[in-house]
Amino acid sequence: MRILALVKRVPAPGARINITADEQHVDDKHLGHAVSPHEECATEAAVQLVEKHGGDVTVLTLGPPEAEEQLRYAASTGVNKIVLVPTDGTPYDPQRTAAALADAIGQMEAADGEFDLIIFGNESADSGGFQVGVRVAYALGRPMVNAIKGLEIEGAPEGHIIARREIDAGVEVYELPLPACVGVKEGINLPRYPTMKGRLASKKAELNSIETDSDAGSQKMVRLVSPPETVNETVILGTGPEAAGAVVDLLEELGVM
């Protein structure tokens, strides 16, 4: 199988995010970056499928030159090829991102053949737009299912893949003809840590670059706003036996008694 996984460089999850004074950008002077968690799982899913069924995995990202760090991390976990679609660091809206990625994928397939499966993260950890994977699949004319928590080939007819999506009532099962696209959710697997051998090999991995020419989309970011900080207050009801009355009053207020 030829599998392509799409990843995105995002501020490290859990980090404190500061906004620039003009409210147009994230201030990342002292901010670490990582691969979006859903997309870490997308890379792991691709590597696992190839380990089981043979083939190769390519990881592609659109972003600034600094995104090479995230591509080399992917290369240290068993990825065969890494590709950067370079930008000047200006954030792309989902329309422009999808157009650029579809163009890059088209160039790659024209040169080396069609990808059997393209795996996206369900959504990115920063913008969370849920749009790019669907837009790319539509542009390429391929079936797409999002929110996937299981990928299998066994039991599927030849040239198909089975994708499983959890819902409130149970599990939905999709049988997709290849070539296809899926968006996977965090929890579909546990991404592996790179070995020392993998890290050393990733430093020598060839980084391919693909230039694209995509127009700005019609969506426009107005401004970024930091959510209000939540302040939690702790009230001491008392100490020792004298606190019993206050505890009873609180339980009555909560409707427990």
Protein backbone atom coordinates (compact mmCIF):
# COMPACT_ATOMS: atom_id res chain seq x y z
CA MET A 1 0.00 0.00 0.00
CA ARG A 2 1.00 3.58 -0.59
CA ILE A 3 -0.26 5.67 2.31
CA LEU A 4 -0.05 9.42 2.85
CA ALA A 5 -0.50 10.98 6.30
CA LEU A 6 -1.14 14.71 6.67
CA VAL A 7 0.17 16.49 9.77
CA LYS A 8 0.22 20.06 11.08
CA ARG A 9 2.68 22.00 13.24
CA VAL A 10 0.73 23.44 16.17
CA PRO A 11 1.53 25.05 19.53
CA ALA A 12 2.31 22.33 22.05
CA PRO A 13 -0.98 21.14 23.59
CA GLY A 14 -1.38 22.38 27.15
CA ALA A 15 0.91 25.37 26.66
CA ARG A 16 -0.21 28.87 27.64
CA ILE A 17 -1.18 30.66 24.43
CA ASN A 18 -0.52 34.40 24.23
CA ILE A 19 -1.94 36.68 21.55
CA THR A 20 -0.02 39.51 19.88
CA ALA A 21 -1.12 43.06 20.62
CA ASP A 22 -2.87 43.41 17.22
CA GLU A 23 -4.91 40.25 17.96
CA GLN A 24 -3.90 38.75 14.62
CA HIS A 25 -1.33 36.12 15.58
CA VAL A 26 -0.28 33.72 18.31
CA ASP A 27 2.85 35.00 20.04
CA ASP A 28 5.15 31.98 19.74
CA LYS A 29 8.45 33.52 20.83
CA HIS A 30 8.63 31.23 23.86
CA LEU A 31 6.20 28.57 22.68
CA GLY A 32 7.04 24.97 21.87
CA HIS A 33 5.47 23.24 18.87
CA ALA A 34 4.41 19.69 18.12
CA VAL A 35 2.36 17.60 15.73
CA SER A 36 -1.38 17.92 16.34
CA PRO A 37 -2.41 14.90 18.52
CA HIS A 38 -5.02 13.52 16.10
CA GLU A 39 -2.38 13.65 13.37
CA GLU A 40 0.18 11.83 15.49
CA CYS A 41 -2.38 9.03 15.54
CA ALA A 42 -2.83 9.38 11.76
CA THR A 43 0.90 8.80 11.26
CA GLU A 44 0.89 5.83 13.63
CA ALA A 45 -2.12 4.31 11.85
CA ALA A 46 -0.32 4.62 8.52
CA VAL A 47 2.86 3.00 9.86
CA GLN A 48 0.90 0.15 11.46
CA LEU A 49 -0.95 -0.63 8.22
CA VAL A 50 2.29 -0.73 6.24
CA GLU A 51 4.02 -2.87 8.86
CA LYS A 52 1.17 -5.37 8.56
CA HIS A 53 0.47 -5.31 4.82
CA GLY A 54 3.60 -3.87 3.22
CA GLY A 55 4.13 -0.65 1.31
CA ASP A 56 5.41 2.77 2.26
CA VAL A 57 4.32 5.82 4.23
CA THR A 58 4.76 9.45 3.24
CA VAL A 59 4.10 12.30 5.66
CA LEU A 60 3.20 15.71 4.27
CA THR A 61 2.77 19.06 5.99
CA LEU A 62 2.01 22.59 4.87
CA GLY A 63 3.75 25.22 6.92
CA PRO A 64 6.81 27.38 7.56
CA PRO A 65 10.37 26.04 7.24
CA GLU A 66 10.35 25.34 10.99
CA ALA A 67 7.81 22.55 10.33
CA GLU A 68 10.79 20.43 9.23
CA GLU A 69 11.14 19.60 12.93
CA GLN A 70 7.77 17.85 12.98
CA LEU A 71 8.49 16.02 9.71
CA ARG A 72 11.77 14.66 11.02
CA TYR A 73 10.03 13.53 14.18
CA ALA A 74 7.63 11.57 11.93
CA ALA A 75 10.61 10.12 10.06
CA SER A 76 11.97 8.84 13.38
CA THR A 77 8.85 6.70 13.93
CA GLY A 78 9.06 4.62 10.76
CA VAL A 79 7.90 6.95 7.99
CA ASN A 80 9.62 6.42 4.62
CA LYS A 81 9.32 9.87 3.03
CA ILE A 82 8.74 13.40 4.33
CA VAL A 83 7.42 16.31 2.25
CA LEU A 84 7.04 20.00 3.07
CA VAL A 85 4.73 22.40 1.25
CA PRO A 86 6.44 25.62 2.33
CA THR A 87 4.64 28.81 3.33
CA ASP A 88 5.96 32.13 4.59
CA GLY A 89 4.36 31.49 7.97
CA THR A 90 1.16 33.37 7.13
CA PRO A 91 -1.81 31.33 8.40
CA TYR A 92 -3.88 29.81 5.58
CA ASP A 93 -7.63 29.51 5.90
CA PRO A 94 -9.13 26.00 5.37
CA GLN A 95 -10.00 26.71 1.74
CA ARG A 96 -6.49 27.77 0.80
CA THR A 97 -4.91 25.01 2.89
CA ALA A 98 -7.02 22.35 1.17
CA ALA A 99 -6.34 23.79 -2.29
CA ALA A 100 -2.57 23.81 -1.66
CA LEU A 101 -2.58 20.27 -0.27
CA ALA A 102 -4.70 18.91 -3.12
CA ASP A 103 -2.30 20.53 -5.60
CA ALA A 104 0.74 19.04 -3.82
CA ILE A 105 -0.84 15.58 -3.66
CA GLY A 106 -1.69 15.79 -7.36
CA GLN A 107 1.95 16.59 -8.16
CA MET A 108 3.18 13.69 -6.01
CA GLU A 109 0.77 11.20 -7.59
CA ALA A 110 1.64 12.36 -11.11
CA ALA A 111 5.30 11.64 -10.35
CA ASP A 112 5.11 8.43 -8.28
CA GLY A 113 1.64 6.96 -8.62
CA GLU A 114 -1.62 7.10 -6.72
CA PHE A 115 -1.87 6.86 -2.94
CA ASP A 116 -4.16 4.02 -1.85
CA LEU A 117 -5.10 5.77 1.38
CA ILE A 118 -4.77 9.35 2.64
CA ILE A 119 -5.10 9.77 6.40
CA PHE A 120 -5.91 13.08 8.09
CA GLY A 121 -6.34 13.99 11.72
CA ASN A 122 -9.98 14.54 12.63
CA GLU A 123 -9.19 18.21 13.27
CA SER A 124 -6.14 20.31 14.11
CA ALA A 125 -5.39 21.17 17.72
CA ASP A 126 -5.14 24.90 17.06
CA SER A 127 -7.93 26.01 14.71
CA GLY A 128 -10.15 22.90 15.02
CA GLY A 129 -11.95 23.65 11.76
CA PHE A 130 -12.85 20.04 10.77
CA GLN A 131 -12.70 21.16 7.12
CA VAL A 132 -9.36 20.45 5.46
CA GLY A 133 -9.61 16.67 5.11
CA VAL A 134 -13.11 16.81 3.66
CA ARG A 135 -12.16 19.61 1.25
CA VAL A 136 -9.06 17.75 0.03
CA ALA A 137 -11.00 14.52 -0.46
CA TYR A 138 -13.67 16.38 -2.43
CA ALA A 139 -11.03 18.05 -4.62
CA LEU A 140 -9.44 14.66 -5.33
CA GLY A 141 -12.80 12.97 -5.94
CA ARG A 142 -12.35 10.32 -3.24
CA PRO A 143 -14.65 8.97 -0.52
CA MET A 144 -14.03 10.40 2.95
CA VAL A 145 -15.19 9.50 6.46
CA ASN A 146 -14.20 11.50 9.54
CA ALA A 147 -14.02 10.66 13.28
CA ILE A 148 -12.57 7.17 12.64
CA LYS A 149 -11.46 5.06 15.62
CA GLY A 150 -10.56 1.86 13.74
CA LEU A 151 -8.97 0.96 10.38
CA GLU A 152 -8.77 -2.56 8.98
CA ILE A 153 -8.08 -4.35 5.72
CA GLU A 154 -8.82 -7.94 6.79
CA GLY A 155 -12.33 -8.94 5.91
CA ALA A 156 -12.74 -6.19 3.35
CA PRO A 157 -13.13 -7.03 -0.33
CA GLU A 158 -9.97 -6.58 -2.34
CA GLY A 159 -9.33 -2.91 -2.99
CA HIS A 160 -11.36 -1.78 0.04
CA ILE A 161 -10.69 -0.70 3.61
CA ILE A 162 -12.96 -0.95 6.65
CA ALA A 163 -13.29 2.14 8.85
CA ARG A 164 -15.09 2.20 12.19
CA ARG A 165 -16.63 5.26 13.82
CA GLU A 166 -18.01 5.38 17.36
CA ILE A 167 -21.46 6.87 17.89
CA ASP A 168 -23.72 7.13 20.95
CA ALA A 169 -25.63 3.99 19.96
CA GLY A 170 -22.57 1.88 19.17
CA VAL A 171 -20.26 1.74 16.15
CA GLU A 172 -20.76 2.65 12.49
CA VAL A 173 -18.80 0.52 10.00
CA TYR A 174 -17.84 1.90 6.58
CA GLU A 175 -16.44 -0.08 3.66
CA LEU A 176 -14.53 2.34 1.44
CA PRO A 177 -13.22 1.54 -2.04
CA LEU A 178 -9.59 2.54 -2.49
CA PRO A 179 -8.22 5.08 -3.14
CA ALA A 180 -9.92 6.74 -0.18
CA CYS A 181 -9.44 9.32 2.57
CA VAL A 182 -10.18 9.06 6.29
CA GLY A 183 -9.90 11.38 9.26
CA VAL A 184 -8.85 9.61 12.47
CA LYS A 185 -9.40 10.61 16.07
CA GLU A 186 -6.96 10.57 18.96
CA GLY A 187 -7.34 7.22 20.71
CA ILE A 188 -7.41 5.07 17.59
CA ASN A 189 -3.93 3.97 18.68
CA LEU A 190 -1.06 4.90 20.97
CA PRO A 191 1.63 6.71 18.93
CA ARG A 192 5.04 5.17 19.41
CA TYR A 193 8.04 6.98 20.80
CA PRO A 194 10.97 7.22 18.38
CA THR A 195 13.94 5.01 19.09
CA MET A 196 17.50 6.32 19.16
CA LYS A 197 18.11 4.51 15.86
CA GLY A 198 15.03 6.21 14.43
CA ARG A 199 16.13 9.65 15.59
CA LEU A 200 19.55 9.21 14.02
CA ALA A 201 18.01 7.98 10.77
CA SER A 202 15.58 10.93 10.69
CA LYS A 203 18.49 13.39 10.57
CA LYS A 204 19.57 11.83 7.27
CA ALA A 205 16.09 11.55 5.77
CA GLU A 206 15.68 13.50 2.55
CA LEU A 207 13.25 16.39 2.93
CA ASN A 208 11.33 16.95 -0.29
CA SER A 209 9.71 20.31 -0.97
CA ILE A 210 6.73 20.96 -3.23
CA GLU A 211 5.76 24.46 -4.31
CA THR A 212 2.08 25.18 -4.86
CA ASP A 213 0.18 28.18 -6.17
CA SER A 214 -3.11 28.55 -4.31
CA ASP A 215 -5.24 31.64 -3.98
CA ALA A 216 -6.47 32.94 -0.65
CA GLY A 217 -9.81 31.49 0.37
CA SER A 218 -12.94 33.51 1.06
CA GLN A 219 -12.74 32.99 4.81
CA LYS A 220 -11.04 35.76 6.75
CA MET A 221 -9.85 35.71 10.33
CA VAL A 222 -11.06 38.85 12.10
CA ARG A 223 -9.16 38.60 15.37
CA LEU A 224 -7.97 36.20 18.03
CA VAL A 225 -9.41 36.46 21.52
CA SER A 226 -8.06 34.79 24.64
CA PRO A 227 -10.81 33.17 26.72
CA PRO A 228 -11.28 34.58 30.22
CA GLU A 229 -9.23 32.78 32.81
CA THR A 230 -11.21 30.62 35.21
CA VAL A 231 -10.61 31.29 38.88
CA ASN A 232 -11.51 28.58 41.34
CA GLU A 233 -12.17 29.52 44.95
CA THR A 234 -11.99 27.13 47.88
CA VAL A 235 -14.23 27.78 50.88
CA ILE A 236 -13.30 26.17 54.19
CA LEU A 237 -16.52 25.12 55.90
CA GLY A 238 -14.81 24.62 59.21
CA THR A 239 -12.68 22.16 61.08
CA GLY A 240 -13.62 19.40 63.47
CA PRO A 241 -17.14 18.69 64.74
CA GLU A 242 -18.19 22.34 64.37
CA ALA A 243 -18.06 21.94 60.57
CA ALA A 244 -20.86 19.34 60.57
CA GLY A 245 -23.66 21.90 60.43
CA ALA A 246 -22.12 23.68 57.46
CA VAL A 247 -21.67 20.36 55.62
CA VAL A 248 -25.33 19.46 56.19
CA ASP A 249 -26.43 22.89 54.91
CA LEU A 250 -24.32 22.43 51.77
CA LEU A 251 -25.69 18.94 51.10
CA GLU A 252 -29.23 20.27 51.43
CA GLU A 253 -28.38 23.11 49.02
CA LEU A 254 -27.10 20.57 46.48
CA GLY A 255 -30.25 18.50 46.88
CA VAL A 256 -28.45 15.47 48.23
CA MET A 257 -30.43 15.52 51.48
